[in-house]
Amino acid sequence: MNPLIAALLSAALVQIVHADGDVPKPIGERVAKEFPALLDLYKHLHAHPEISFQEAKTAQRMAEELDKLGFAVSRNVGGHGVVGVLKNGAGPTVMVRTDLDALPVKEATGLPFASKITTVDESGKEVPTMHACGHDIHMTCWVGAARVLAALRNDWAGTLVFIAQPAEERGAGARRMIAEGLFKKFPVPNYALALHVMGDQPAGTLGYTSGFAMANVDSVDITVRGVGGHGSQPQSTKDPIVLSAQIILALQTIVSREVAPQEPAVITVGSIHGGTKHNIIPDEVHLQLTLRSYTDAVREQLIAAIRRVVRGQALAAGLPEDRLPLVVLRDEHTPAAYNDPKLMARLHGVFKTGFGEGALIERKPSMGGEDFGQYGRTEHKIPVCLFFLGAVSADTVRQARTTGRSLPSLHSALFAPDAEPTIRTGVAAMTLATLELLRRN
């Protein structure tokens, strides 16, 4: 443990979490000093969201923040990606990542700084825009940690690589930054860190998961083709609506009867569209699926089984080869995020010392997706760790548990983090984690 941390921060960080009392030097004092400006930054980012692939202004703001701190900044890496490098002598290299993009959600929080932004998406449709997944909090904590670490150069040695990644919500940003030379043009990190807010966890707490933390995510489009005709004469048609229903039911047996019970997996049909009128049997029906898994083997098993089941159902319905369904695996794969167990154990130790055991929550692996895991899957085999930041006031969590009321989840129009304790805790936690990995011998 870094003596700087061990000697000064146990009491300090508890005070940061609860936002009361005088915070001892050095980290607590720096977080307290930066907090008013960070809160202003958070409100600005929240009120000015940009959806995936459109994060130009957000990226510019992140680049400017790093510029002011003395980072060597590169822009437009993998789209609107930003990379900042700060060298401080010989030592390890630590990458700290934030995501930039918002969601096409109409905000309903009622906050005085709520987003009123609309934008035009890639299909030409005008959509509302909101930071409903907490990326505004992520960016604020990222900037805060950069400021504190830059101010504490005497207490660490090595290289910081701070990256601001676009298009996380589309599962494309990490892949594009890597493809554009993230680990060729810039220092290859010894460790990579990120945090993510949680809508079911009290502000002031940190969640941790060792091993698989988030799932593989895949999107599959199926076009079920048939032979249309009059609804009164089904015998002269090959009904794609009936065939779609049979396919949907058959797909349910893949997880329940083909995947080993010990292996988590999900196949969800999230969309079905077909037909125009009561008495017309259409020629086509379109299905959209999401697949979730952890291991590559189970992922490949799901994809192969879907192709087999869809083809088999169509042949059983009497479809000719030239009218069999089309199954398309979209190029939007998000790989599972796997927290390196040794790195997670090391960070758990520093978080326990800094925040106390009561502030740590062990979380089960989630079937949600997060493309941060991509950074650990290159040939460099970089140990990565994504930890979780509580974002709901403790009183709100207690009331929800008492009344049985559901809390607004991530991606909800009602999701509104308890900003002050969330930001303070996030900045302190990311600073602690980075200092631990860059400690001076």
Protein backbone atom coordinates (compact mmCIF):
# COMPACT_ATOMS: atom_id res chain seq x y z
CA MET A 1 0.00 0.00 0.00
CA ASN A 2 1.27 3.47 -0.85
CA PRO A 3 2.31 5.11 2.47
CA LEU A 4 0.67 8.32 1.27
CA ILE A 5 -2.63 6.52 1.06
CA ALA A 6 -2.25 4.38 4.16
CA ALA A 7 -1.31 7.27 6.42
CA LEU A 8 -3.77 9.91 5.38
CA LEU A 9 -6.78 8.63 3.55
CA SER A 10 -8.79 6.17 5.59
CA ALA A 11 -10.60 8.87 7.55
CA ALA A 12 -10.37 11.36 4.71
CA LEU A 13 -12.28 9.31 2.19
CA VAL A 14 -15.04 8.42 4.60
CA GLN A 15 -15.49 12.15 5.02
CA ILE A 16 -15.53 12.59 1.24
CA VAL A 17 -18.28 10.00 0.92
CA HIS A 18 -20.41 11.68 3.56
CA ALA A 19 -19.43 15.18 2.42
CA ASP A 20 -18.94 16.51 5.94
CA GLY A 21 -16.04 17.76 8.08
CA ASP A 22 -12.59 18.87 7.06
CA VAL A 23 -10.95 16.49 4.63
CA PRO A 24 -7.25 15.93 5.45
CA LYS A 25 -4.56 16.37 2.83
CA PRO A 26 -3.67 15.52 0.12
CA ILE A 27 -6.41 13.80 -1.90
CA GLY A 28 -9.35 14.84 0.20
CA GLU A 29 -8.27 18.46 0.08
CA ARG A 30 -7.80 18.35 -3.69
CA VAL A 31 -11.19 16.73 -4.26
CA ALA A 32 -12.88 19.33 -2.06
CA LYS A 33 -11.10 22.15 -3.89
CA GLU A 34 -12.10 20.85 -7.32
CA PHE A 35 -15.66 19.86 -6.48
CA PRO A 36 -17.51 23.15 -7.19
CA ALA A 37 -16.01 23.36 -10.66
CA LEU A 38 -16.64 19.67 -11.24
CA LEU A 39 -20.29 20.07 -10.31
CA ASP A 40 -20.61 22.90 -12.83
CA LEU A 41 -18.96 20.69 -15.43
CA TYR A 42 -21.39 17.86 -14.67
CA LYS A 43 -24.41 20.13 -15.07
CA HIS A 44 -23.05 21.44 -18.37
CA LEU A 45 -22.43 17.94 -19.72
CA HIS A 46 -25.85 16.78 -18.57
CA ALA A 47 -27.60 19.67 -20.29
CA HIS A 48 -25.66 19.24 -23.55
CA PRO A 49 -25.67 15.51 -24.42
CA GLU A 50 -24.63 14.08 -27.77
CA ILE A 51 -25.57 10.62 -29.06
CA SER A 52 -23.15 8.00 -30.38
CA PHE A 53 -20.94 9.08 -33.31
CA GLN A 54 -21.95 12.75 -32.76
CA GLU A 55 -19.86 13.57 -29.66
CA ALA A 56 -17.80 16.35 -31.28
CA LYS A 57 -18.46 19.12 -28.72
CA THR A 58 -18.23 16.76 -25.77
CA ALA A 59 -14.91 15.41 -27.02
CA GLN A 60 -13.60 18.94 -27.55
CA ARG A 61 -14.43 19.81 -23.94
CA MET A 62 -12.64 16.70 -22.65
CA ALA A 63 -9.58 17.51 -24.78
CA GLU A 64 -9.51 21.07 -23.45
CA GLU A 65 -9.63 19.80 -19.87
CA LEU A 66 -6.58 17.59 -20.45
CA ASP A 67 -4.76 20.34 -22.36
CA LYS A 68 -4.99 22.63 -19.33
CA LEU A 69 -3.37 19.96 -17.14
CA GLY A 70 -0.32 19.47 -19.34
CA PHE A 71 -1.34 16.23 -21.06
CA ALA A 72 -0.18 15.68 -24.65
CA VAL A 73 -3.59 15.47 -26.32
CA SER A 74 -4.61 13.74 -29.56
CA ARG A 75 -8.08 14.22 -31.01
CA ASN A 76 -10.30 12.28 -33.42
CA VAL A 77 -8.94 8.84 -32.56
CA GLY A 78 -11.49 6.29 -33.72
CA GLY A 79 -14.09 8.93 -34.43
CA HIS A 80 -14.43 11.56 -31.71
CA GLY A 81 -12.02 9.76 -29.37
CA VAL A 82 -9.54 11.73 -27.27
CA VAL A 83 -6.22 10.42 -25.92
CA GLY A 84 -4.19 12.34 -23.36
CA VAL A 85 -0.73 11.24 -22.22
CA LEU A 86 1.03 12.57 -19.12
CA LYS A 87 4.53 11.23 -18.47
CA ASN A 88 6.02 11.55 -15.01
CA GLY A 89 9.24 9.58 -14.92
CA ALA A 90 9.92 5.85 -15.06
CA GLY A 91 7.15 3.53 -13.96
CA PRO A 92 4.05 1.66 -15.09
CA THR A 93 1.48 3.00 -17.54
CA VAL A 94 -2.14 3.24 -16.42
CA MET A 95 -5.02 3.91 -18.80
CA VAL A 96 -8.16 5.55 -17.43
CA ARG A 97 -11.19 5.55 -19.72
CA THR A 98 -14.43 7.48 -19.82
CA ASP A 99 -17.26 7.23 -22.32
CA LEU A 100 -18.79 10.25 -24.05
CA ASP A 101 -22.11 9.37 -25.63
CA ALA A 102 -25.70 9.90 -24.53
CA LEU A 103 -28.92 8.11 -25.49
CA PRO A 104 -31.98 8.97 -27.63
CA VAL A 105 -34.19 9.36 -24.54
CA LYS A 106 -36.51 12.25 -23.64
CA GLU A 107 -35.55 13.38 -20.15
CA ALA A 108 -38.30 13.45 -17.51
CA THR A 109 -36.28 14.11 -14.34
CA GLY A 110 -37.46 17.68 -13.82
CA LEU A 111 -33.93 18.80 -12.95
CA PRO A 112 -33.24 22.52 -13.48
CA PHE A 113 -30.39 21.54 -15.81
CA ALA A 114 -32.32 18.76 -17.57
CA SER A 115 -31.54 18.18 -21.22
CA LYS A 116 -33.81 19.81 -23.76
CA ILE A 117 -31.59 18.77 -26.66
CA THR A 118 -32.88 17.05 -29.76
CA THR A 119 -30.73 15.81 -32.61
CA VAL A 120 -31.01 13.98 -35.91
CA ASP A 121 -29.83 10.39 -35.78
CA GLU A 122 -28.09 8.47 -38.54
CA SER A 123 -31.42 7.43 -40.06
CA GLY A 124 -32.50 11.07 -40.40
CA LYS A 125 -34.99 10.91 -37.54
CA GLU A 126 -35.16 13.71 -34.98
CA VAL A 127 -34.72 12.25 -31.51
CA PRO A 128 -34.51 13.62 -27.96
CA THR A 129 -31.17 13.18 -26.22
CA MET A 130 -30.28 12.50 -22.58
CA HIS A 131 -27.38 11.24 -20.48
CA ALA A 132 -29.56 8.43 -19.14
CA CYS A 133 -26.64 6.05 -18.54
CA GLY A 134 -24.50 8.33 -16.40
CA HIS A 135 -21.73 9.05 -18.88
CA ASP A 136 -21.86 12.67 -17.72
CA ILE A 137 -20.91 11.46 -14.23
CA HIS A 138 -18.18 9.27 -15.73
CA MET A 139 -16.66 12.21 -17.60
CA THR A 140 -16.81 14.43 -14.53
CA CYS A 141 -15.04 11.85 -12.37
CA TRP A 142 -12.48 11.31 -15.14
CA VAL A 143 -11.71 15.02 -15.31
CA GLY A 144 -11.59 15.22 -11.53
CA ALA A 145 -9.15 12.33 -11.24
CA ALA A 146 -6.96 13.88 -13.96
CA ARG A 147 -6.87 17.17 -12.06
CA VAL A 148 -6.00 15.56 -8.73
CA LEU A 149 -3.34 13.28 -10.21
CA ALA A 150 -1.76 16.16 -12.13
CA ALA A 151 -1.57 18.14 -8.90
CA LEU A 152 0.04 15.21 -7.04
CA ARG A 153 2.87 14.45 -9.47
CA ASN A 154 5.33 14.16 -6.58
CA ASP A 155 3.41 11.17 -5.23
CA TRP A 156 3.50 8.90 -8.27
CA ALA A 157 5.79 7.83 -11.11
CA GLY A 158 4.94 6.47 -14.53
CA THR A 159 2.61 7.41 -17.37
CA LEU A 160 -1.08 8.30 -17.42
CA VAL A 161 -3.09 7.60 -20.56
CA PHE A 162 -6.52 9.19 -20.21
CA ILE A 163 -8.91 8.28 -23.03
CA ALA A 164 -12.37 9.67 -23.77
CA GLN A 165 -14.16 7.06 -25.85
CA PRO A 166 -17.10 7.65 -28.20
CA ALA A 167 -19.94 5.29 -29.13
CA GLU A 168 -20.00 3.04 -26.06
CA GLU A 169 -23.77 2.73 -26.35
CA ARG A 170 -23.33 1.30 -29.83
CA GLY A 171 -20.58 -1.09 -28.80
CA ALA A 172 -18.25 0.40 -31.40
CA GLY A 173 -16.07 3.04 -29.76
CA ALA A 174 -13.43 0.85 -28.12
CA ARG A 175 -13.05 -1.28 -31.23
CA ARG A 176 -12.61 1.79 -33.44
CA MET A 177 -10.04 3.43 -31.16
CA ILE A 178 -8.01 0.21 -31.08
CA ALA A 179 -8.28 -0.14 -34.86
CA GLU A 180 -6.94 3.41 -35.30
CA GLY A 181 -3.80 2.58 -33.34
CA LEU A 182 -4.59 3.24 -29.69
CA PHE A 183 -1.99 0.68 -28.61
CA LYS A 184 0.42 1.49 -31.45
CA LYS A 185 0.53 5.27 -31.47
CA PHE A 186 0.33 5.68 -27.71
CA PRO A 187 1.92 3.93 -24.71
CA VAL A 188 0.57 0.42 -24.10
CA PRO A 189 -0.86 0.38 -20.57
CA ASN A 190 0.08 -2.10 -17.88
CA TYR A 191 -3.43 -1.64 -16.46
CA ALA A 192 -6.71 -0.16 -17.67
CA LEU A 193 -9.39 1.28 -15.37
CA ALA A 194 -12.95 2.53 -15.73
CA LEU A 195 -15.97 3.12 -13.53
CA HIS A 196 -19.72 2.94 -14.15
CA VAL A 197 -22.58 4.42 -12.17
CA MET A 198 -25.34 2.11 -10.93
CA GLY A 199 -28.98 3.04 -10.46
CA ASP A 200 -29.59 0.53 -7.64
CA GLN A 201 -26.57 1.29 -5.46
CA PRO A 202 -26.31 3.98 -2.75
CA ALA A 203 -24.15 7.01 -3.47
CA GLY A 204 -20.92 6.83 -1.50
CA THR A 205 -20.49 3.11 -2.14
CA LEU A 206 -18.32 1.18 -4.57
CA GLY A 207 -19.33 -2.05 -6.25
CA TYR A 208 -16.86 -4.70 -7.34
CA THR A 209 -16.97 -7.93 -9.33
CA SER A 210 -14.04 -10.26 -9.94
CA GLY A 211 -13.88 -12.14 -13.25
CA PHE A 212 -16.75 -11.69 -15.67
CA ALA A 213 -18.54 -8.45 -14.82
CA MET A 214 -20.50 -7.68 -18.01
CA ALA A 215 -21.66 -9.89 -20.86
CA ASN A 216 -21.03 -10.49 -24.52
CA VAL A 217 -23.71 -8.63 -26.45
CA ASP A 218 -24.75 -9.51 -30.00
CA SER A 219 -27.58 -8.31 -32.21
CA VAL A 220 -29.18 -10.62 -34.78
CA ASP A 221 -31.66 -9.64 -37.52
CA ILE A 222 -33.87 -12.35 -39.00
CA THR A 223 -35.98 -11.84 -42.12
CA VAL A 224 -38.58 -14.60 -42.20
CA ARG A 225 -39.69 -14.97 -45.80
CA GLY A 226 -42.87 -16.62 -47.01
CA VAL A 227 -45.39 -16.57 -49.82
CA GLY A 228 -48.08 -13.99 -49.20
CA GLY A 229 -51.71 -14.00 -50.19
CA HIS A 230 -55.32 -13.55 -49.10
CA GLY A 231 -56.08 -14.21 -45.46
CA SER A 232 -59.10 -16.29 -46.43
CA GLN A 233 -56.97 -18.71 -48.46
CA PRO A 234 -54.00 -19.68 -46.25
CA GLN A 235 -53.62 -22.97 -48.09
CA SER A 236 -52.22 -21.09 -51.08
CA THR A 237 -49.58 -19.27 -49.02
CA LYS A 238 -46.59 -19.93 -46.84
CA ASP A 239 -47.44 -17.77 -43.82
CA PRO A 240 -44.32 -16.01 -42.42
CA ILE A 241 -46.25 -14.81 -39.34
CA VAL A 242 -47.06 -18.34 -38.23
CA LEU A 243 -43.51 -19.42 -39.07
CA SER A 244 -42.13 -16.49 -37.03
CA ALA A 245 -44.20 -17.57 -34.05
CA GLN A 246 -42.84 -21.12 -34.35
CA ILE A 247 -39.28 -19.80 -34.65
CA ILE A 248 -39.68 -17.59 -31.56
CA LEU A 249 -40.92 -20.51 -29.48
CA ALA A 250 -38.22 -22.84 -30.80
CA LEU A 251 -35.51 -20.32 -29.95
CA GLN A 252 -36.48 -20.56 -26.28
CA THR A 253 -35.22 -24.14 -26.14
CA ILE A 254 -31.65 -23.19 -27.07
CA VAL A 255 -30.82 -21.77 -23.64
CA SER A 256 -33.05 -24.16 -21.69
CA ARG A 257 -32.05 -27.37 -23.48
CA GLU A 258 -28.75 -26.84 -25.32
CA VAL A 259 -26.61 -24.59 -23.13
CA ALA A 260 -25.21 -26.16 -19.96
CA PRO A 261 -27.19 -24.99 -16.90
CA GLN A 262 -24.00 -23.63 -15.31
CA GLU A 263 -23.39 -21.31 -18.27
CA PRO A 264 -25.35 -18.01 -18.27
CA ALA A 265 -27.01 -17.16 -21.59
CA VAL A 266 -29.95 -15.11 -22.86
CA ILE A 267 -31.80 -15.00 -26.18
CA THR A 268 -34.43 -12.28 -26.33
CA VAL A 269 -36.62 -11.42 -29.31
CA GLY A 270 -37.06 -7.70 -28.79
CA SER A 271 -38.88 -6.77 -31.99
CA ILE A 272 -41.25 -8.41 -34.46
CA HIS A 273 -42.77 -6.57 -37.41
CA GLY A 274 -44.83 -7.94 -40.28
CA GLY A 275 -48.01 -7.40 -42.22
CA THR A 276 -50.13 -4.39 -43.10
CA LYS A 277 -53.80 -5.45 -42.86
CA HIS A 278 -56.14 -7.93 -41.21
CA ASN A 279 -56.82 -10.04 -44.29
CA ILE A 280 -53.43 -10.04 -45.97
CA ILE A 281 -50.79 -12.70 -45.34
CA PRO A 282 -47.48 -10.86 -45.90
CA ASP A 283 -44.39 -11.99 -47.72
CA GLU A 284 -41.98 -11.16 -44.88
CA VAL A 285 -41.67 -10.71 -41.12
CA HIS A 286 -38.68 -9.08 -39.45
CA LEU A 287 -37.32 -10.16 -36.05
CA GLN A 288 -34.63 -8.47 -33.96
CA LEU A 289 -32.78 -10.43 -31.28
CA THR A 290 -30.29 -9.64 -28.54
CA LEU A 291 -27.93 -12.38 -27.35
CA ARG A 292 -26.06 -12.37 -24.04
CA SER A 293 -23.31 -14.69 -22.83
CA TYR A 294 -19.96 -14.61 -21.05
CA THR A 295 -17.65 -17.06 -22.79
CA ASP A 296 -16.74 -17.09 -26.47
CA ALA A 297 -17.72 -20.75 -26.66
CA VAL A 298 -21.28 -20.10 -25.48
CA ARG A 299 -21.56 -17.07 -27.77
CA GLU A 300 -20.62 -19.17 -30.78
CA GLN A 301 -22.99 -21.92 -29.66
CA LEU A 302 -25.93 -19.50 -29.50
CA ILE A 303 -25.26 -18.05 -32.94
CA ALA A 304 -24.88 -21.46 -34.56
CA ALA A 305 -28.01 -22.79 -32.87
CA ILE A 306 -30.11 -19.82 -34.00
CA ARG A 307 -29.07 -20.38 -37.60
CA ARG A 308 -29.88 -24.09 -37.33
CA VAL A 309 -33.25 -23.62 -35.62
CA VAL A 310 -34.40 -20.92 -38.03
CA ARG A 311 -33.46 -23.00 -41.06
CA GLY A 312 -35.02 -26.13 -39.61
CA GLN A 313 -38.33 -24.46 -38.83
CA ALA A 314 -38.51 -22.99 -42.31
CA LEU A 315 -37.81 -26.33 -43.99
CA ALA A 316 -40.44 -27.99 -41.80
CA ALA A 317 -42.94 -25.35 -43.00
CA GLY A 318 -42.19 -26.30 -46.61
CA LEU A 319 -40.23 -23.21 -47.67
CA PRO A 320 -38.04 -23.69 -50.73
CA GLU A 321 -34.31 -22.98 -50.54
CA ASP A 322 -34.71 -19.60 -52.22
CA ARG A 323 -37.22 -18.46 -49.59
CA LEU A 324 -35.44 -19.62 -46.45
CA PRO A 325 -35.03 -16.96 -43.73
CA LEU A 326 -32.09 -14.59 -43.78
CA VAL A 327 -30.10 -14.52 -40.53
CA VAL A 328 -27.70 -11.57 -40.15
CA LEU A 329 -25.31 -11.17 -37.22
CA ARG A 330 -24.86 -7.41 -36.96
CA ASP A 331 -21.38 -5.93 -36.68
CA GLU A 332 -22.10 -4.55 -33.21
CA HIS A 333 -20.50 -7.19 -31.01
CA THR A 334 -19.61 -6.05 -27.52
CA PRO A 335 -17.27 -8.53 -25.82
CA ALA A 336 -17.68 -9.53 -22.20
CA ALA A 337 -15.89 -7.33 -19.67
CA TYR A 338 -13.61 -9.52 -17.59
CA ASN A 339 -12.13 -7.94 -14.48
CA ASP A 340 -8.65 -9.32 -13.91
CA PRO A 341 -8.93 -11.07 -10.52
CA LYS A 342 -5.48 -10.00 -9.29
CA LEU A 343 -6.08 -6.39 -10.26
CA MET A 344 -9.56 -6.43 -8.72
CA ALA A 345 -8.17 -7.85 -5.47
CA ARG A 346 -5.53 -5.13 -5.38
CA LEU A 347 -8.10 -2.38 -5.89
CA HIS A 348 -10.45 -3.97 -3.37
CA GLY A 349 -7.68 -3.66 -0.80
CA VAL A 350 -7.07 0.03 -1.49
CA PHE A 351 -10.82 0.79 -1.54
CA LYS A 352 -11.29 -1.04 1.77
CA THR A 353 -8.51 1.02 3.36
CA GLY A 354 -9.78 4.27 1.90
CA PHE A 355 -13.54 3.91 2.28
CA GLY A 356 -14.06 1.18 4.85
CA GLU A 357 -15.54 -2.27 4.41
CA GLY A 358 -19.09 -0.96 4.76
CA ALA A 359 -18.78 1.13 1.61
CA LEU A 360 -17.93 -1.89 -0.59
CA ILE A 361 -20.61 -3.98 -2.28
CA GLU A 362 -19.82 -7.21 -4.10
CA ARG A 363 -22.00 -7.35 -7.21
CA LYS A 364 -22.99 -10.38 -9.21
CA PRO A 365 -22.03 -10.43 -12.91
CA SER A 366 -24.48 -8.55 -15.11
CA MET A 367 -25.94 -9.49 -18.48
CA GLY A 368 -25.60 -5.85 -19.50
CA GLY A 369 -22.97 -4.87 -22.03
CA GLU A 370 -19.94 -2.54 -21.79
CA ASP A 371 -17.32 -2.35 -24.51
CA PHE A 372 -14.58 -1.47 -22.01
CA GLY A 373 -13.81 -5.19 -22.01
CA GLN A 374 -12.45 -4.79 -25.55
CA TYR A 375 -9.25 -3.19 -24.21
CA GLY A 376 -8.35 -6.42 -22.42
CA ARG A 377 -8.83 -8.63 -25.47
CA THR A 378 -5.99 -7.45 -27.71
CA GLU A 379 -2.71 -9.30 -28.11
CA HIS A 380 -1.34 -7.23 -25.22
CA LYS A 381 -3.61 -9.01 -22.71
CA ILE A 382 -3.92 -5.86 -20.60
CA PRO A 383 -5.41 -6.45 -17.13
CA VAL A 384 -8.58 -4.36 -16.97
CA CYS A 385 -10.95 -3.47 -14.16
CA LEU A 386 -14.37 -1.83 -14.29
CA PHE A 387 -15.75 -0.93 -10.87
CA PHE A 388 -19.19 0.38 -10.00
CA LEU A 389 -20.16 3.70 -8.47
CA GLY A 390 -23.28 4.09 -6.36
CA ALA A 391 -25.41 6.96 -7.67
CA VAL A 392 -28.66 6.98 -5.67
CA SER A 393 -29.11 8.80 -2.38
CA ALA A 394 -29.05 6.45 0.58
CA ASP A 395 -32.44 7.76 1.74
CA THR A 396 -33.99 7.02 -1.66
CA VAL A 397 -32.60 3.48 -1.62
CA ARG A 398 -33.94 2.89 1.90
CA GLN A 399 -37.38 4.21 0.98
CA ALA A 400 -37.51 2.03 -2.12
CA ARG A 401 -36.60 -1.06 -0.13
CA THR A 402 -39.18 -0.23 2.52
CA THR A 403 -42.03 0.44 0.12
CA GLY A 404 -41.10 -2.03 -2.60
CA ARG A 405 -41.01 0.79 -5.13
CA SER A 406 -38.68 0.33 -8.10
CA LEU A 407 -35.84 2.78 -8.60
CA PRO A 408 -35.33 4.35 -12.06
CA SER A 409 -32.83 2.17 -13.88
CA LEU A 410 -30.05 3.18 -16.20
CA HIS A 411 -31.47 4.21 -19.59
CA SER A 412 -34.63 5.45 -17.86
CA ALA A 413 -35.95 8.96 -18.62
CA LEU A 414 -36.16 9.39 -14.82
CA PHE A 415 -32.58 8.43 -13.96
CA ALA A 416 -31.04 11.29 -11.93
CA PRO A 417 -27.87 10.58 -9.93
CA ASP A 418 -27.30 12.11 -6.51
CA ALA A 419 -24.53 14.20 -7.97
CA GLU A 420 -22.48 15.46 -5.02
CA PRO A 421 -21.62 12.23 -3.15
CA THR A 422 -21.43 10.32 -6.42
CA ILE A 423 -18.87 12.66 -7.98
CA ARG A 424 -16.83 13.03 -4.80
CA THR A 425 -16.64 9.26 -4.34
CA GLY A 426 -15.90 8.59 -8.00
CA VAL A 427 -13.04 11.10 -8.18
CA ALA A 428 -11.52 9.84 -4.94
CA ALA A 429 -11.87 6.18 -5.91
CA MET A 430 -10.33 6.57 -9.36
CA THR A 431 -7.50 8.66 -7.91
CA LEU A 432 -6.85 6.06 -5.21
CA ALA A 433 -6.84 3.22 -7.73
CA THR A 434 -4.46 5.00 -10.07
CA LEU A 435 -2.09 6.06 -7.28
CA GLU A 436 -1.94 2.47 -6.07
CA LEU A 437 -0.82 1.30 -9.50
CA LEU A 438 1.68 4.15 -9.97
CA ARG A 439 3.06 4.22 -6.45
CA ARG A 440 6.66 5.22 -6.00
CA ASN A 441 8.91 2.51 -4.59
